[in-house]
N, C-alpha and C. Protein backbone atom coordinates (compact mmCIF):
# COMPACT_ATOMS: atom_id res chain seq x y z
N MET A 1 -37.95 -0.09 17.51
CA MET A 1 -36.51 -0.01 17.54
C MET A 1 -35.89 -0.81 16.39
N SER A 2 -36.59 -1.83 15.93
CA SER A 2 -36.07 -2.65 14.84
C SER A 2 -35.94 -1.85 13.55
N LYS A 3 -36.89 -0.93 13.33
CA LYS A 3 -36.83 -0.09 12.13
C LYS A 3 -35.61 0.84 12.18
N ALA A 4 -35.31 1.37 13.35
CA ALA A 4 -34.14 2.24 13.51
C ALA A 4 -32.85 1.46 13.28
N VAL A 5 -32.82 0.23 13.72
CA VAL A 5 -31.63 -0.60 13.51
C VAL A 5 -31.46 -0.89 12.02
N ALA A 6 -32.57 -1.17 11.32
CA ALA A 6 -32.51 -1.45 9.89
C ALA A 6 -32.05 -0.22 9.12
N LEU A 7 -32.57 0.94 9.47
CA LEU A 7 -32.13 2.15 8.80
C LEU A 7 -30.66 2.43 9.10
N SER A 8 -30.28 2.16 10.31
CA SER A 8 -28.89 2.38 10.68
C SER A 8 -27.97 1.44 9.90
N ARG A 9 -28.39 0.19 9.72
CA ARG A 9 -27.60 -0.76 8.94
C ARG A 9 -27.50 -0.34 7.49
N ALA A 10 -28.62 0.07 6.91
CA ALA A 10 -28.62 0.50 5.52
C ALA A 10 -27.73 1.73 5.33
N TYR A 11 -27.80 2.63 6.27
CA TYR A 11 -26.95 3.83 6.20
C TYR A 11 -25.49 3.46 6.30
N ARG A 12 -25.16 2.56 7.22
CA ARG A 12 -23.77 2.14 7.38
C ARG A 12 -23.25 1.43 6.14
N LEU A 13 -24.09 0.60 5.53
CA LEU A 13 -23.67 -0.08 4.30
C LEU A 13 -23.46 0.91 3.16
N ALA A 14 -24.31 1.93 3.08
CA ALA A 14 -24.16 2.95 2.04
C ALA A 14 -22.86 3.73 2.23
N VAL A 15 -22.55 4.06 3.45
CA VAL A 15 -21.31 4.78 3.73
C VAL A 15 -20.10 3.89 3.45
N ALA A 16 -20.17 2.63 3.85
CA ALA A 16 -19.07 1.70 3.57
C ALA A 16 -18.88 1.53 2.06
N SER A 17 -19.96 1.48 1.32
CA SER A 17 -19.87 1.36 -0.13
C SER A 17 -19.21 2.59 -0.73
N ARG A 18 -19.56 3.75 -0.23
CA ARG A 18 -18.93 4.98 -0.72
C ARG A 18 -17.44 5.03 -0.39
N VAL A 19 -17.10 4.57 0.79
CA VAL A 19 -15.68 4.55 1.18
C VAL A 19 -14.90 3.63 0.24
N LEU A 20 -15.45 2.47 -0.05
CA LEU A 20 -14.80 1.54 -0.98
C LEU A 20 -14.72 2.14 -2.39
N ALA A 21 -15.80 2.80 -2.81
CA ALA A 21 -15.79 3.43 -4.13
C ALA A 21 -14.74 4.53 -4.19
N ALA A 22 -14.65 5.31 -3.14
CA ALA A 22 -13.66 6.39 -3.11
C ALA A 22 -12.25 5.83 -3.13
N ALA A 23 -12.00 4.81 -2.34
CA ALA A 23 -10.65 4.26 -2.23
C ALA A 23 -10.24 3.52 -3.50
N PHE A 24 -11.04 2.55 -3.91
CA PHE A 24 -10.64 1.70 -5.04
C PHE A 24 -11.02 2.30 -6.39
N GLY A 25 -12.24 2.84 -6.48
CA GLY A 25 -12.65 3.46 -7.74
C GLY A 25 -11.87 4.72 -8.04
N GLY A 26 -11.60 5.50 -7.02
CA GLY A 26 -10.79 6.71 -7.20
C GLY A 26 -9.38 6.37 -7.63
N TYR A 27 -8.82 5.31 -7.05
CA TYR A 27 -7.47 4.88 -7.42
C TYR A 27 -7.45 4.39 -8.87
N ALA A 28 -8.45 3.62 -9.26
CA ALA A 28 -8.51 3.12 -10.64
C ALA A 28 -8.63 4.28 -11.63
N LEU A 29 -9.47 5.25 -11.30
CA LEU A 29 -9.63 6.40 -12.19
C LEU A 29 -8.34 7.21 -12.27
N ALA A 30 -7.70 7.44 -11.15
CA ALA A 30 -6.45 8.20 -11.16
C ALA A 30 -5.36 7.46 -11.93
N SER A 31 -5.31 6.15 -11.80
CA SER A 31 -4.32 5.37 -12.54
C SER A 31 -4.57 5.42 -14.04
N ALA A 32 -5.82 5.25 -14.44
CA ALA A 32 -6.15 5.31 -15.86
C ALA A 32 -5.88 6.70 -16.43
N ALA A 33 -6.21 7.72 -15.67
CA ALA A 33 -5.96 9.09 -16.13
C ALA A 33 -4.46 9.37 -16.23
N THR A 34 -3.67 8.79 -15.34
CA THR A 34 -2.22 8.97 -15.41
C THR A 34 -1.67 8.38 -16.70
N VAL A 35 -2.13 7.21 -17.05
CA VAL A 35 -1.68 6.58 -18.30
C VAL A 35 -2.08 7.43 -19.49
N LEU A 36 -3.34 7.87 -19.52
CA LEU A 36 -3.81 8.68 -20.64
C LEU A 36 -3.05 10.00 -20.74
N LEU A 37 -2.89 10.68 -19.64
CA LEU A 37 -2.18 11.96 -19.66
C LEU A 37 -0.72 11.80 -20.06
N ALA A 38 -0.09 10.72 -19.61
CA ALA A 38 1.31 10.48 -19.98
C ALA A 38 1.43 10.23 -21.48
N LEU A 39 0.40 9.65 -22.08
CA LEU A 39 0.43 9.39 -23.52
C LEU A 39 0.21 10.65 -24.36
N VAL A 40 -0.60 11.58 -23.86
CA VAL A 40 -0.95 12.75 -24.68
C VAL A 40 -0.18 14.01 -24.31
N TRP A 41 0.57 13.97 -23.22
CA TRP A 41 1.28 15.18 -22.77
C TRP A 41 2.38 15.53 -23.78
N PRO A 42 2.42 16.77 -24.26
CA PRO A 42 3.42 17.16 -25.27
C PRO A 42 4.78 17.49 -24.65
N ALA A 43 5.45 16.46 -24.18
CA ALA A 43 6.77 16.62 -23.55
C ALA A 43 7.50 15.29 -23.71
N PRO A 44 8.79 15.28 -23.38
CA PRO A 44 9.49 14.00 -23.37
C PRO A 44 8.79 13.00 -22.43
N GLN A 45 8.94 11.73 -22.72
CA GLN A 45 8.20 10.70 -22.01
C GLN A 45 8.39 10.77 -20.50
N SER A 46 9.59 10.98 -20.04
CA SER A 46 9.84 11.01 -18.60
C SER A 46 9.13 12.20 -17.93
N GLN A 47 9.17 13.35 -18.58
CA GLN A 47 8.49 14.52 -18.02
C GLN A 47 6.98 14.39 -18.11
N ALA A 48 6.51 13.80 -19.19
CA ALA A 48 5.06 13.59 -19.33
C ALA A 48 4.55 12.70 -18.21
N LEU A 49 5.30 11.65 -17.90
CA LEU A 49 4.89 10.75 -16.83
C LEU A 49 4.95 11.45 -15.47
N LEU A 50 5.94 12.28 -15.26
CA LEU A 50 6.05 13.03 -14.01
C LEU A 50 4.86 13.96 -13.82
N TRP A 51 4.53 14.73 -14.85
CA TRP A 51 3.40 15.66 -14.76
C TRP A 51 2.08 14.92 -14.60
N ALA A 52 1.93 13.82 -15.34
CA ALA A 52 0.70 13.04 -15.22
C ALA A 52 0.56 12.46 -13.82
N SER A 53 1.66 12.01 -13.25
CA SER A 53 1.63 11.47 -11.89
C SER A 53 1.26 12.54 -10.87
N MET A 54 1.78 13.73 -11.05
CA MET A 54 1.44 14.81 -10.12
C MET A 54 -0.04 15.19 -10.24
N LEU A 55 -0.55 15.21 -11.47
CA LEU A 55 -1.97 15.53 -11.66
C LEU A 55 -2.88 14.43 -11.13
N SER A 56 -2.37 13.22 -11.04
CA SER A 56 -3.22 12.12 -10.57
C SER A 56 -3.68 12.34 -9.12
N PHE A 57 -2.89 13.05 -8.33
CA PHE A 57 -3.31 13.34 -6.95
C PHE A 57 -4.55 14.24 -6.94
N ALA A 58 -4.59 15.21 -7.83
CA ALA A 58 -5.77 16.07 -7.94
C ALA A 58 -6.97 15.29 -8.46
N ILE A 59 -6.74 14.43 -9.44
CA ILE A 59 -7.82 13.62 -10.00
C ILE A 59 -8.40 12.70 -8.94
N TYR A 60 -7.53 12.09 -8.16
CA TYR A 60 -7.99 11.21 -7.08
C TYR A 60 -8.80 11.99 -6.05
N SER A 61 -8.34 13.18 -5.71
CA SER A 61 -9.07 14.00 -4.73
C SER A 61 -10.45 14.38 -5.24
N VAL A 62 -10.54 14.76 -6.51
CA VAL A 62 -11.83 15.11 -7.09
C VAL A 62 -12.75 13.90 -7.13
N ALA A 63 -12.21 12.73 -7.44
CA ALA A 63 -13.02 11.51 -7.46
C ALA A 63 -13.58 11.20 -6.07
N VAL A 64 -12.76 11.33 -5.05
CA VAL A 64 -13.22 11.07 -3.68
C VAL A 64 -14.31 12.06 -3.29
N ILE A 65 -14.12 13.32 -3.59
CA ILE A 65 -15.15 14.32 -3.28
C ILE A 65 -16.43 14.01 -4.02
N TRP A 66 -16.31 13.65 -5.31
CA TRP A 66 -17.51 13.37 -6.10
C TRP A 66 -18.27 12.17 -5.55
N VAL A 67 -17.55 11.13 -5.10
CA VAL A 67 -18.22 9.94 -4.56
C VAL A 67 -19.10 10.31 -3.38
N PHE A 68 -18.63 11.18 -2.53
CA PHE A 68 -19.42 11.54 -1.35
C PHE A 68 -20.47 12.61 -1.64
N MET A 69 -20.37 13.25 -2.80
CA MET A 69 -21.40 14.22 -3.18
C MET A 69 -22.50 13.59 -4.04
N ALA A 70 -22.27 12.40 -4.57
CA ALA A 70 -23.27 11.73 -5.41
C ALA A 70 -24.53 11.47 -4.59
N ARG A 71 -25.65 11.46 -5.27
CA ARG A 71 -26.93 11.28 -4.58
C ARG A 71 -27.04 9.92 -3.90
N THR A 72 -26.56 8.87 -4.57
CA THR A 72 -26.59 7.53 -3.99
C THR A 72 -25.24 6.86 -4.19
N ALA A 73 -25.02 5.80 -3.42
CA ALA A 73 -23.78 5.04 -3.57
C ALA A 73 -23.75 4.34 -4.93
N THR A 74 -24.90 3.90 -5.40
CA THR A 74 -24.97 3.25 -6.71
C THR A 74 -24.57 4.22 -7.81
N ARG A 75 -25.06 5.43 -7.74
CA ARG A 75 -24.70 6.44 -8.74
C ARG A 75 -23.20 6.75 -8.68
N ALA A 76 -22.63 6.74 -7.50
CA ALA A 76 -21.19 6.98 -7.36
C ALA A 76 -20.40 5.86 -8.04
N TRP A 77 -20.80 4.61 -7.78
CA TRP A 77 -20.11 3.47 -8.40
C TRP A 77 -20.25 3.49 -9.91
N VAL A 78 -21.46 3.71 -10.38
CA VAL A 78 -21.70 3.71 -11.84
C VAL A 78 -20.91 4.83 -12.50
N GLY A 79 -20.91 6.00 -11.91
CA GLY A 79 -20.15 7.11 -12.47
C GLY A 79 -18.67 6.82 -12.55
N LEU A 80 -18.12 6.28 -11.47
CA LEU A 80 -16.69 5.95 -11.46
C LEU A 80 -16.35 4.87 -12.49
N VAL A 81 -17.18 3.85 -12.56
CA VAL A 81 -16.91 2.76 -13.51
C VAL A 81 -16.98 3.26 -14.94
N LEU A 82 -17.99 4.06 -15.26
CA LEU A 82 -18.13 4.56 -16.64
C LEU A 82 -16.98 5.49 -17.04
N VAL A 83 -16.63 6.40 -16.17
CA VAL A 83 -15.54 7.34 -16.49
C VAL A 83 -14.21 6.59 -16.58
N THR A 84 -13.97 5.67 -15.66
CA THR A 84 -12.73 4.90 -15.70
C THR A 84 -12.65 4.04 -16.95
N ALA A 85 -13.76 3.44 -17.33
CA ALA A 85 -13.78 2.62 -18.55
C ALA A 85 -13.51 3.48 -19.79
N ALA A 86 -14.11 4.66 -19.84
CA ALA A 86 -13.90 5.54 -20.99
C ALA A 86 -12.45 6.01 -21.07
N VAL A 87 -11.89 6.41 -19.95
CA VAL A 87 -10.50 6.87 -19.93
C VAL A 87 -9.56 5.72 -20.28
N SER A 88 -9.83 4.54 -19.74
CA SER A 88 -8.99 3.38 -20.03
C SER A 88 -9.07 3.00 -21.51
N ALA A 89 -10.27 3.03 -22.06
CA ALA A 89 -10.43 2.68 -23.48
C ALA A 89 -9.70 3.68 -24.37
N LEU A 90 -9.79 4.94 -24.03
CA LEU A 90 -9.08 5.96 -24.82
C LEU A 90 -7.57 5.77 -24.73
N ALA A 91 -7.08 5.49 -23.54
CA ALA A 91 -5.64 5.25 -23.37
C ALA A 91 -5.21 4.00 -24.14
N TRP A 92 -6.04 2.97 -24.11
CA TRP A 92 -5.72 1.74 -24.84
C TRP A 92 -5.68 2.00 -26.35
N LEU A 93 -6.66 2.77 -26.84
CA LEU A 93 -6.68 3.09 -28.27
C LEU A 93 -5.45 3.91 -28.69
N LEU A 94 -5.07 4.86 -27.86
CA LEU A 94 -3.90 5.67 -28.17
C LEU A 94 -2.61 4.85 -28.10
N ARG A 95 -2.55 3.94 -27.15
CA ARG A 95 -1.33 3.14 -26.97
C ARG A 95 -1.14 2.14 -28.12
N THR A 96 -2.25 1.51 -28.53
CA THR A 96 -2.16 0.49 -29.57
C THR A 96 -2.34 1.07 -30.97
N GLY A 97 -2.69 2.32 -31.05
CA GLY A 97 -2.93 2.91 -32.36
C GLY A 97 -4.25 2.48 -32.97
N GLY A 98 -5.13 1.96 -32.12
CA GLY A 98 -6.44 1.52 -32.60
C GLY A 98 -6.44 0.11 -33.14
N ALA A 99 -5.30 -0.54 -33.19
CA ALA A 99 -5.24 -1.92 -33.68
C ALA A 99 -5.49 -2.90 -32.53
N ALA A 100 -6.20 -3.96 -32.82
CA ALA A 100 -6.53 -4.93 -31.78
C ALA A 100 -5.43 -5.88 -31.52
């Protein structure tokens, strides 16, 4: 019975990790994508931000689905962190013009 309890604990921790990745990592990705899309959208600034904000709901939904489809919780976290970092870096470069 101890082995079943250990497997159950490991499974519960993996699910909890995915829930946290979906909630916080998905939010971070959607926020970074909103900034990037608002910067590159070919419209006035207010409309670009509006459209980017509306698209962020779809981006967040896709991120949540992807987290639960990933093979492992670690792969889900790594994928979210890498994509969020890349999107954030691109938005930062566009915002600052590449100057440090």
